[in-house]
Amino acid sequence: MGEGLYLYLLAVFMLAGFVKGVTGMGLPTVSMGLLGVVMPLPVAAALLVIPSFVTNVLQLFTGASVWRILRRLWPMMVLIVLGTVVGASLLISISPVWSSLGLGGALIVYAIYALVSPELTISSASEKWLSPLVGGMTGLIAGATGVFVMPAVPFLQSLAWSKEELVQALGLSFTVSTIALAIGLYHHHALPMQSFSLSLLSLVPALMGMWCGQKVRARIGAKRFRRCFLLFLLVLGSEIALRPLI
């Protein structure tokens, strides 16, 4: 890795941490999208493991409802782990063309969904059978693309939570997804020591960016920032998906 690539990694994780500080999510999404432009997706996924894990653990323990949320969502979490470990084999084995299409498609779908922001409400009865189904689907997509948001985020947002509980529920989902992705990459020999060391170094700019984002969140309109962020994801996802076809 040259000096230019190190500086690029520093900027990517600082930006990704900043987005997470403002919106409460987006670090893996931004990281995978921007790192996927300059390196193979399995390498990009390995680099985000530690920054994603630490920042999401911090988010998970922002309130006192951790164990109640875990008891409610444990079937979803179990299927996220299984799906991610299975999906990681696709990230390692399939052609870069298809992996780019998958990552770009995941970013596009999430950006469009979030921009539209449909009002969804899921009943307690439906939650019981949807929870493991959503977990399995999220895991497969996360394992294959390194992006943890679909369909977990829309599902969690449609449940009855307080604002604090939703933040913690998202933190739990992202934390479990990150651990499962690391297990999947390690199982397929795609988590070498060099990537682990770079991932550890990337934690510093990610935390700095997250701190700055939390400070800025109190000063700017979060809705406007979120809309600009989603439009950026839409453009980035389109570029990643179309690049192998051009």
C-alpha atoms as a PDB file:
ATOM      1  CA  MET A   1       0.000   0.000   0.000  1.00  0.00           C
ATOM      2  CA  GLY A   2       1.307   3.405  -0.989  1.00  0.00           C
ATOM      3  CA  GLU A   3       1.072   6.603   1.003  1.00  0.00           C
ATOM      4  CA  GLY A   4      -1.813   7.818  -1.166  1.00  0.00           C
ATOM      5  CA  LEU A   5      -3.894   4.758  -0.288  1.00  0.00           C
ATOM      6  CA  TYR A   6      -3.213   5.203   3.433  1.00  0.00           C
ATOM      7  CA  LEU A   7      -4.437   8.787   3.200  1.00  0.00           C
ATOM      8  CA  TYR A   8      -7.500   7.598   1.295  1.00  0.00           C
ATOM      9  CA  LEU A   9      -8.278   5.071   4.060  1.00  0.00           C
ATOM     10  CA  LEU A  10      -7.903   7.817   6.665  1.00  0.00           C
ATOM     11  CA  ALA A  11     -10.336  10.063   4.796  1.00  0.00           C
ATOM     12  CA  VAL A  12     -12.857   7.270   4.144  1.00  0.00           C
ATOM     13  CA  PHE A  13     -13.106   6.155   7.768  1.00  0.00           C
ATOM     14  CA  MET A  14     -13.212   9.700   9.068  1.00  0.00           C
ATOM     15  CA  LEU A  15     -16.087  10.463   6.676  1.00  0.00           C
ATOM     16  CA  ALA A  16     -17.839   7.186   7.529  1.00  0.00           C
ATOM     17  CA  GLY A  17     -17.497   7.904  11.258  1.00  0.00           C
ATOM     18  CA  PHE A  18     -18.805  11.427  10.722  1.00  0.00           C
ATOM     19  CA  VAL A  19     -21.892  10.099   8.926  1.00  0.00           C
ATOM     20  CA  LYS A  20     -22.506   7.640  11.752  1.00  0.00           C
ATOM     21  CA  GLY A  21     -22.109  10.412  14.322  1.00  0.00           C
ATOM     22  CA  VAL A  22     -24.751  12.527  12.591  1.00  0.00           C
ATOM     23  CA  THR A  23     -27.232   9.827  11.534  1.00  0.00           C
ATOM     24  CA  GLY A  24     -26.551   6.939  13.946  1.00  0.00           C
ATOM     25  CA  MET A  25     -25.668   4.584  11.085  1.00  0.00           C
ATOM     26  CA  GLY A  26     -23.823   4.364   7.791  1.00  0.00           C
ATOM     27  CA  LEU A  27     -20.225   3.487   8.701  1.00  0.00           C
ATOM     28  CA  PRO A  28     -20.081   0.102   6.905  1.00  0.00           C
ATOM     29  CA  THR A  29     -22.236   1.430   4.078  1.00  0.00           C
ATOM     30  CA  VAL A  30     -19.999   4.429   3.374  1.00  0.00           C
ATOM     31  CA  SER A  31     -16.799   2.442   3.973  1.00  0.00           C
ATOM     32  CA  MET A  32     -17.703  -0.399   1.619  1.00  0.00           C
ATOM     33  CA  GLY A  33     -18.966   1.993  -1.024  1.00  0.00           C
ATOM     34  CA  LEU A  34     -15.815   4.134  -1.074  1.00  0.00           C
ATOM     35  CA  LEU A  35     -13.260   1.387  -0.434  1.00  0.00           C
ATOM     36  CA  GLY A  36     -14.863  -0.768  -3.125  1.00  0.00           C
ATOM     37  CA  VAL A  37     -13.795   1.868  -5.657  1.00  0.00           C
ATOM     38  CA  VAL A  38     -10.071   1.191  -5.081  1.00  0.00           C
ATOM     39  CA  MET A  39      -9.772  -2.388  -3.774  1.00  0.00           C
ATOM     40  CA  PRO A  40     -11.431  -5.846  -3.919  1.00  0.00           C
ATOM     41  CA  LEU A  41     -14.551  -6.079  -1.769  1.00  0.00           C
ATOM     42  CA  PRO A  42     -13.223  -8.880   0.504  1.00  0.00           C
ATOM     43  CA  VAL A  43     -10.269  -6.632   1.420  1.00  0.00           C
ATOM     44  CA  ALA A  44     -12.596  -3.676   2.019  1.00  0.00           C
ATOM     45  CA  ALA A  45     -14.845  -5.827   4.219  1.00  0.00           C
ATOM     46  CA  ALA A  46     -11.868  -6.955   6.307  1.00  0.00           C
ATOM     47  CA  LEU A  47     -10.776  -3.357   6.891  1.00  0.00           C
ATOM     48  CA  LEU A  48     -14.128  -2.220   8.277  1.00  0.00           C
ATOM     49  CA  VAL A  49     -14.417  -4.981  10.899  1.00  0.00           C
ATOM     50  CA  ILE A  50     -12.840  -3.243  13.908  1.00  0.00           C
ATOM     51  CA  PRO A  51     -14.136   0.318  13.281  1.00  0.00           C
ATOM     52  CA  SER A  52     -17.622  -1.043  12.682  1.00  0.00           C
ATOM     53  CA  PHE A  53     -17.530  -3.290  15.757  1.00  0.00           C
ATOM     54  CA  VAL A  54     -16.276  -0.641  18.190  1.00  0.00           C
ATOM     55  CA  THR A  55     -18.541   2.182  17.008  1.00  0.00           C
ATOM     56  CA  ASN A  56     -21.601  -0.076  17.034  1.00  0.00           C
ATOM     57  CA  VAL A  57     -20.850  -1.416  20.508  1.00  0.00           C
ATOM     58  CA  LEU A  58     -20.669   2.192  21.703  1.00  0.00           C
ATOM     59  CA  GLN A  59     -24.051   2.810  20.063  1.00  0.00           C
ATOM     60  CA  LEU A  60     -25.520  -0.388  21.520  1.00  0.00           C
ATOM     61  CA  PHE A  61     -24.727   0.600  25.098  1.00  0.00           C
ATOM     62  CA  THR A  62     -26.040   4.174  24.912  1.00  0.00           C
ATOM     63  CA  GLY A  63     -29.079   3.201  27.021  1.00  0.00           C
ATOM     64  CA  ALA A  64     -30.319   0.739  29.608  1.00  0.00           C
ATOM     65  CA  SER A  65     -32.481  -1.481  27.386  1.00  0.00           C
ATOM     66  CA  VAL A  66     -29.795  -3.778  25.955  1.00  0.00           C
ATOM     67  CA  TRP A  67     -30.913  -7.067  27.484  1.00  0.00           C
ATOM     68  CA  ARG A  68     -34.611  -6.457  26.852  1.00  0.00           C
ATOM     69  CA  ILE A  69     -33.860  -5.686  23.202  1.00  0.00           C
ATOM     70  CA  LEU A  70     -31.660  -8.765  22.923  1.00  0.00           C
ATOM     71  CA  ARG A  71     -34.414 -10.994  24.371  1.00  0.00           C
ATOM     72  CA  ARG A  72     -36.842  -9.567  21.827  1.00  0.00           C
ATOM     73  CA  LEU A  73     -34.544  -9.827  18.787  1.00  0.00           C
ATOM     74  CA  TRP A  74     -32.486 -12.951  19.482  1.00  0.00           C
ATOM     75  CA  PRO A  75     -34.092 -15.046  16.674  1.00  0.00           C
ATOM     76  CA  MET A  76     -33.202 -12.301  14.197  1.00  0.00           C
ATOM     77  CA  MET A  77     -29.633 -12.124  15.529  1.00  0.00           C
ATOM     78  CA  VAL A  78     -29.110 -15.892  15.267  1.00  0.00           C
ATOM     79  CA  LEU A  79     -30.200 -15.887  11.626  1.00  0.00           C
ATOM     80  CA  ILE A  80     -28.041 -12.832  10.886  1.00  0.00           C
ATOM     81  CA  VAL A  81     -25.002 -14.778  12.068  1.00  0.00           C
ATOM     82  CA  LEU A  82     -25.867 -17.884  10.039  1.00  0.00           C
ATOM     83  CA  GLY A  83     -26.772 -15.897   6.930  1.00  0.00           C
ATOM     84  CA  THR A  84     -23.654 -13.713   7.085  1.00  0.00           C
ATOM     85  CA  VAL A  85     -21.274 -16.656   7.454  1.00  0.00           C
ATOM     86  CA  VAL A  86     -22.917 -18.351   4.463  1.00  0.00           C
ATOM     87  CA  GLY A  87     -23.047 -15.118   2.455  1.00  0.00           C
ATOM     88  CA  ALA A  88     -19.353 -14.434   3.068  1.00  0.00           C
ATOM     89  CA  SER A  89     -18.527 -17.372   0.806  1.00  0.00           C
ATOM     90  CA  LEU A  90     -20.144 -15.433  -2.051  1.00  0.00           C
ATOM     91  CA  LEU A  91     -18.088 -12.333  -1.282  1.00  0.00           C
ATOM     92  CA  ILE A  92     -14.908 -14.412  -1.522  1.00  0.00           C
ATOM     93  CA  SER A  93     -15.742 -16.681  -4.444  1.00  0.00           C
ATOM     94  CA  ILE A  94     -17.876 -14.854  -6.996  1.00  0.00           C
ATOM     95  CA  SER A  95     -16.588 -12.721  -9.844  1.00  0.00           C
ATOM     96  CA  PRO A  96     -15.729  -9.083  -8.980  1.00  0.00           C
ATOM     97  CA  VAL A  97     -18.268  -8.064 -11.623  1.00  0.00           C
ATOM     98  CA  TRP A  98     -21.101  -9.703  -9.702  1.00  0.00           C
ATOM     99  CA  SER A  99     -19.844  -8.536  -6.314  1.00  0.00           C
ATOM    100  CA  SER A 100     -19.727  -4.944  -7.595  1.00  0.00           C
ATOM    101  CA  LEU A 101     -23.245  -5.291  -8.949  1.00  0.00           C
ATOM    102  CA  GLY A 102     -24.372  -6.686  -5.597  1.00  0.00           C
ATOM    103  CA  LEU A 103     -22.786  -3.903  -3.553  1.00  0.00           C
ATOM    104  CA  GLY A 104     -23.989  -1.172  -5.907  1.00  0.00           C
ATOM    105  CA  GLY A 105     -27.480  -2.662  -5.955  1.00  0.00           C
ATOM    106  CA  ALA A 106     -27.616  -2.830  -2.147  1.00  0.00           C
ATOM    107  CA  LEU A 107     -26.627   0.837  -1.864  1.00  0.00           C
ATOM    108  CA  ILE A 108     -29.170   1.879  -4.511  1.00  0.00           C
ATOM    109  CA  VAL A 109     -32.049  -0.072  -2.955  1.00  0.00           C
ATOM    110  CA  TYR A 110     -31.367   1.278   0.525  1.00  0.00           C
ATOM    111  CA  ALA A 111     -30.954   4.875  -0.688  1.00  0.00           C
ATOM    112  CA  ILE A 112     -34.218   4.797  -2.660  1.00  0.00           C
ATOM    113  CA  TYR A 113     -36.107   3.171   0.218  1.00  0.00           C
ATOM    114  CA  ALA A 114     -34.805   5.681   2.750  1.00  0.00           C
ATOM    115  CA  LEU A 115     -35.513   8.641   0.469  1.00  0.00           C
ATOM    116  CA  VAL A 116     -39.110   7.492   0.006  1.00  0.00           C
ATOM    117  CA  SER A 117     -39.403   6.685   3.737  1.00  0.00           C
ATOM    118  CA  PRO A 118     -42.630   4.653   3.614  1.00  0.00           C
ATOM    119  CA  GLU A 119     -44.559   4.384   6.870  1.00  0.00           C
ATOM    120  CA  LEU A 120     -44.506   0.735   7.912  1.00  0.00           C
ATOM    121  CA  THR A 121     -45.893  -0.797  11.083  1.00  0.00           C
ATOM    122  CA  ILE A 122     -45.457  -4.472  11.943  1.00  0.00           C
ATOM    123  CA  SER A 123     -47.687  -6.123  14.517  1.00  0.00           C
ATOM    124  CA  SER A 124     -46.364  -8.262  17.353  1.00  0.00           C
ATOM    125  CA  ALA A 125     -47.790 -11.399  15.730  1.00  0.00           C
ATOM    126  CA  SER A 126     -46.055 -10.682  12.413  1.00  0.00           C
ATOM    127  CA  GLU A 127     -42.833  -9.740  14.171  1.00  0.00           C
ATOM    128  CA  LYS A 128     -42.422 -13.268  15.550  1.00  0.00           C
ATOM    129  CA  TRP A 129     -42.164 -14.942  12.143  1.00  0.00           C
ATOM    130  CA  LEU A 130     -40.672 -12.004  10.252  1.00  0.00           C
ATOM    131  CA  SER A 131     -37.793 -11.526  12.687  1.00  0.00           C
ATOM    132  CA  PRO A 132     -35.805 -14.678  11.728  1.00  0.00           C
ATOM    133  CA  LEU A 133     -36.695 -14.246   8.043  1.00  0.00           C
ATOM    134  CA  VAL A 134     -35.383 -10.678   8.016  1.00  0.00           C
ATOM    135  CA  GLY A 135     -32.323 -11.805   9.964  1.00  0.00           C
ATOM    136  CA  GLY A 136     -31.477 -14.486   7.409  1.00  0.00           C
ATOM    137  CA  MET A 137     -31.951 -12.132   4.458  1.00  0.00           C
ATOM    138  CA  THR A 138     -29.902  -9.399   6.130  1.00  0.00           C
ATOM    139  CA  GLY A 139     -27.143 -11.884   6.880  1.00  0.00           C
ATOM    140  CA  LEU A 140     -26.918 -13.156   3.309  1.00  0.00           C
ATOM    141  CA  ILE A 141     -26.764  -9.605   1.927  1.00  0.00           C
ATOM    142  CA  ALA A 142     -24.274  -8.509   4.592  1.00  0.00           C
ATOM    143  CA  GLY A 143     -22.032 -11.485   3.955  1.00  0.00           C
ATOM    144  CA  ALA A 144     -22.109 -11.026   0.189  1.00  0.00           C
ATOM    145  CA  THR A 145     -21.697  -7.227   0.114  1.00  0.00           C
ATOM    146  CA  GLY A 146     -20.449  -6.020   3.531  1.00  0.00           C
ATOM    147  CA  VAL A 147     -23.544  -3.773   3.834  1.00  0.00           C
ATOM    148  CA  PHE A 148     -25.749  -4.466   6.877  1.00  0.00           C
ATOM    149  CA  VAL A 149     -28.745  -2.214   6.315  1.00  0.00           C
ATOM    150  CA  MET A 150     -31.248  -4.149   4.177  1.00  0.00           C
ATOM    151  CA  PRO A 151     -33.772  -5.322   5.161  1.00  0.00           C
ATOM    152  CA  ALA A 152     -32.846  -5.032   8.853  1.00  0.00           C
ATOM    153  CA  VAL A 153     -33.114  -1.243   9.123  1.00  0.00           C
ATOM    154  CA  PRO A 154     -36.632  -0.925   7.600  1.00  0.00           C
ATOM    155  CA  PHE A 155     -37.793  -3.861   9.729  1.00  0.00           C
ATOM    156  CA  LEU A 156     -36.446  -2.424  12.995  1.00  0.00           C
ATOM    157  CA  GLN A 157     -37.828   1.024  12.174  1.00  0.00           C
ATOM    158  CA  SER A 158     -41.295  -0.489  11.699  1.00  0.00           C
ATOM    159  CA  LEU A 159     -41.440  -1.926  15.234  1.00  0.00           C
ATOM    160  CA  ALA A 160     -42.690  -0.139  18.329  1.00  0.00           C
ATOM    161  CA  TRP A 161     -39.575   1.390  19.925  1.00  0.00           C
ATOM    162  CA  SER A 162     -38.712   4.532  21.773  1.00  0.00           C
ATOM    163  CA  LYS A 163     -36.081   6.669  20.024  1.00  0.00           C
ATOM    164  CA  GLU A 164     -33.392   5.412  22.407  1.00  0.00           C
ATOM    165  CA  GLU A 165     -34.425   1.781  21.953  1.00  0.00           C
ATOM    166  CA  LEU A 166     -34.348   2.057  18.155  1.00  0.00           C
ATOM    167  CA  VAL A 167     -30.789   3.409  18.273  1.00  0.00           C
ATOM    168  CA  GLN A 168     -29.783   0.503  20.512  1.00  0.00           C
ATOM    169  CA  ALA A 169     -31.624  -2.055  18.362  1.00  0.00           C
ATOM    170  CA  LEU A 170     -29.772  -0.809  15.282  1.00  0.00           C
ATOM    171  CA  GLY A 171     -26.526  -0.938  17.241  1.00  0.00           C
ATOM    172  CA  LEU A 172     -27.231  -4.547  18.218  1.00  0.00           C
ATOM    173  CA  SER A 173     -28.016  -5.570  14.632  1.00  0.00           C
ATOM    174  CA  PHE A 174     -24.885  -3.887  13.251  1.00  0.00           C
ATOM    175  CA  THR A 175     -22.672  -5.300  16.021  1.00  0.00           C
ATOM    176  CA  VAL A 176     -23.859  -8.861  15.449  1.00  0.00           C
ATOM    177  CA  SER A 177     -23.503  -8.422  11.678  1.00  0.00           C
ATOM    178  CA  THR A 178     -19.927  -7.186  12.084  1.00  0.00           C
ATOM    179  CA  ILE A 179     -18.958 -10.113  14.313  1.00  0.00           C
ATOM    180  CA  ALA A 180     -20.559 -12.559  11.895  1.00  0.00           C
ATOM    181  CA  LEU A 181     -18.791 -10.950   8.925  1.00  0.00           C
ATOM    182  CA  ALA A 182     -15.446 -11.275  10.708  1.00  0.00           C
ATOM    183  CA  ILE A 183     -16.189 -14.959  11.419  1.00  0.00           C
ATOM    184  CA  GLY A 184     -17.136 -15.536   7.777  1.00  0.00           C
ATOM    185  CA  LEU A 185     -14.021 -13.791   6.447  1.00  0.00           C
ATOM    186  CA  TYR A 186     -11.779 -15.665   8.873  1.00  0.00           C
ATOM    187  CA  HIS A 187     -13.386 -18.984   7.951  1.00  0.00           C
ATOM    188  CA  HIS A 188     -12.608 -18.308   4.293  1.00  0.00           C
ATOM    189  CA  HIS A 189      -9.036 -17.132   5.039  1.00  0.00           C
ATOM    190  CA  ALA A 190      -9.857 -13.546   4.027  1.00  0.00           C
ATOM    191  CA  LEU A 191      -8.895 -11.845   7.301  1.00  0.00           C
ATOM    192  CA  PRO A 192      -5.066 -11.744   7.176  1.00  0.00           C
ATOM    193  CA  MET A 193      -2.996 -10.073   9.868  1.00  0.00           C
ATOM    194  CA  GLN A 194      -2.198  -7.090   7.624  1.00  0.00           C
ATOM    195  CA  SER A 195      -5.904  -6.378   7.106  1.00  0.00           C
ATOM    196  CA  PHE A 196      -6.514  -6.781  10.835  1.00  0.00           C
ATOM    197  CA  SER A 197      -3.739  -4.289  11.618  1.00  0.00           C
ATOM    198  CA  LEU A 198      -5.061  -1.757   9.097  1.00  0.00           C
ATOM    199  CA  SER A 199      -8.571  -2.248  10.472  1.00  0.00           C
ATOM    200  CA  LEU A 200      -7.272  -1.471  13.952  1.00  0.00           C
ATOM    201  CA  LEU A 201      -5.522   1.673  12.687  1.00  0.00           C
ATOM    202  CA  SER A 202      -8.710   2.723  10.887  1.00  0.00           C
ATOM    203  CA  LEU A 203     -10.501   2.830  14.238  1.00  0.00           C
ATOM    204  CA  VAL A 204      -8.845   6.136  15.171  1.00  0.00           C
ATOM    205  CA  PRO A 205     -10.165   8.222  12.241  1.00  0.00           C
ATOM    206  CA  ALA A 206     -13.554   6.494  12.540  1.00  0.00           C
ATOM    207  CA  LEU A 207     -13.885   7.504  16.202  1.00  0.00           C
ATOM    208  CA  MET A 208     -12.659  11.023  15.429  1.00  0.00           C
ATOM    209  CA  GLY A 209     -15.227  11.343  12.651  1.00  0.00           C
ATOM    210  CA  MET A 210     -17.992   9.929  14.857  1.00  0.00           C
ATOM    211  CA  TRP A 211     -17.170  12.435  17.615  1.00  0.00           C
ATOM    212  CA  CYS A 212     -17.232  15.316  15.126  1.00  0.00           C
ATOM    213  CA  GLY A 213     -20.516  14.060  13.684  1.00  0.00           C
ATOM    214  CA  GLN A 214     -22.144  13.943  17.102  1.00  0.00           C
ATOM    215  CA  LYS A 215     -21.057  17.529  17.749  1.00  0.00           C
ATOM    216  CA  VAL A 216     -22.286  18.716  14.355  1.00  0.00           C
ATOM    217  CA  ARG A 217     -25.624  16.893  14.718  1.00  0.00           C
ATOM    218  CA  ALA A 218     -26.710  19.425  17.348  1.00  0.00           C
ATOM    219  CA  ARG A 219     -25.942  22.332  15.001  1.00  0.00           C
ATOM    220  CA  ILE A 220     -27.359  21.273  11.632  1.00  0.00           C
ATOM    221  CA  GLY A 221     -30.619  19.926  10.329  1.00  0.00           C
ATOM    222  CA  ALA A 222     -30.223  16.139  10.592  1.00  0.00           C
ATOM    223  CA  LYS A 223     -32.989  15.546   8.022  1.00  0.00           C
ATOM    224  CA  ARG A 224     -31.267  17.685   5.384  1.00  0.00           C
ATOM    225  CA  PHE A 225     -27.918  16.020   6.042  1.00  0.00           C
ATOM    226  CA  ARG A 226     -29.531  12.578   5.832  1.00  0.00           C
ATOM    227  CA  ARG A 227     -31.124  13.422   2.491  1.00  0.00           C
ATOM    228  CA  CYS A 228     -27.797  14.603   1.061  1.00  0.00           C
ATOM    229  CA  PHE A 229     -26.131  11.453   2.416  1.00  0.00           C
ATOM    230  CA  LEU A 230     -28.729   9.217   0.754  1.00  0.00           C
ATOM    231  CA  LEU A 231     -28.384  11.016  -2.575  1.00  0.00           C
ATOM    232  CA  PHE A 232     -24.628  10.496  -2.288  1.00  0.00           C
ATOM    233  CA  LEU A 233     -25.200   6.763  -1.675  1.00  0.00           C
ATOM    234  CA  LEU A 234     -27.493   6.603  -4.703  1.00  0.00           C
ATOM    235  CA  VAL A 235     -24.836   8.118  -6.969  1.00  0.00           C
ATOM    236  CA  LEU A 236     -22.047   6.000  -5.438  1.00  0.00           C
ATOM    237  CA  GLY A 237     -24.085   2.792  -5.728  1.00  0.00           C
ATOM    238  CA  SER A 238     -24.892   3.522  -9.360  1.00  0.00           C
ATOM    239  CA  GLU A 239     -21.220   4.133 -10.157  1.00  0.00           C
ATOM    240  CA  ILE A 240     -20.132   0.893  -8.451  1.00  0.00           C
ATOM    241  CA  ALA A 241     -22.857  -1.173 -10.131  1.00  0.00           C
ATOM    242  CA  LEU A 242     -22.230   0.247 -13.613  1.00  0.00           C
ATOM    243  CA  ARG A 243     -18.417   0.303 -13.497  1.00  0.00           C
ATOM    244  CA  PRO A 244     -17.909  -3.358 -14.549  1.00  0.00           C
ATOM    245  CA  LEU A 245     -20.388  -2.896 -17.422  1.00  0.00           C
ATOM    246  CA  ILE A 246     -18.690   0.157 -18.948  1.00  0.00           C
END
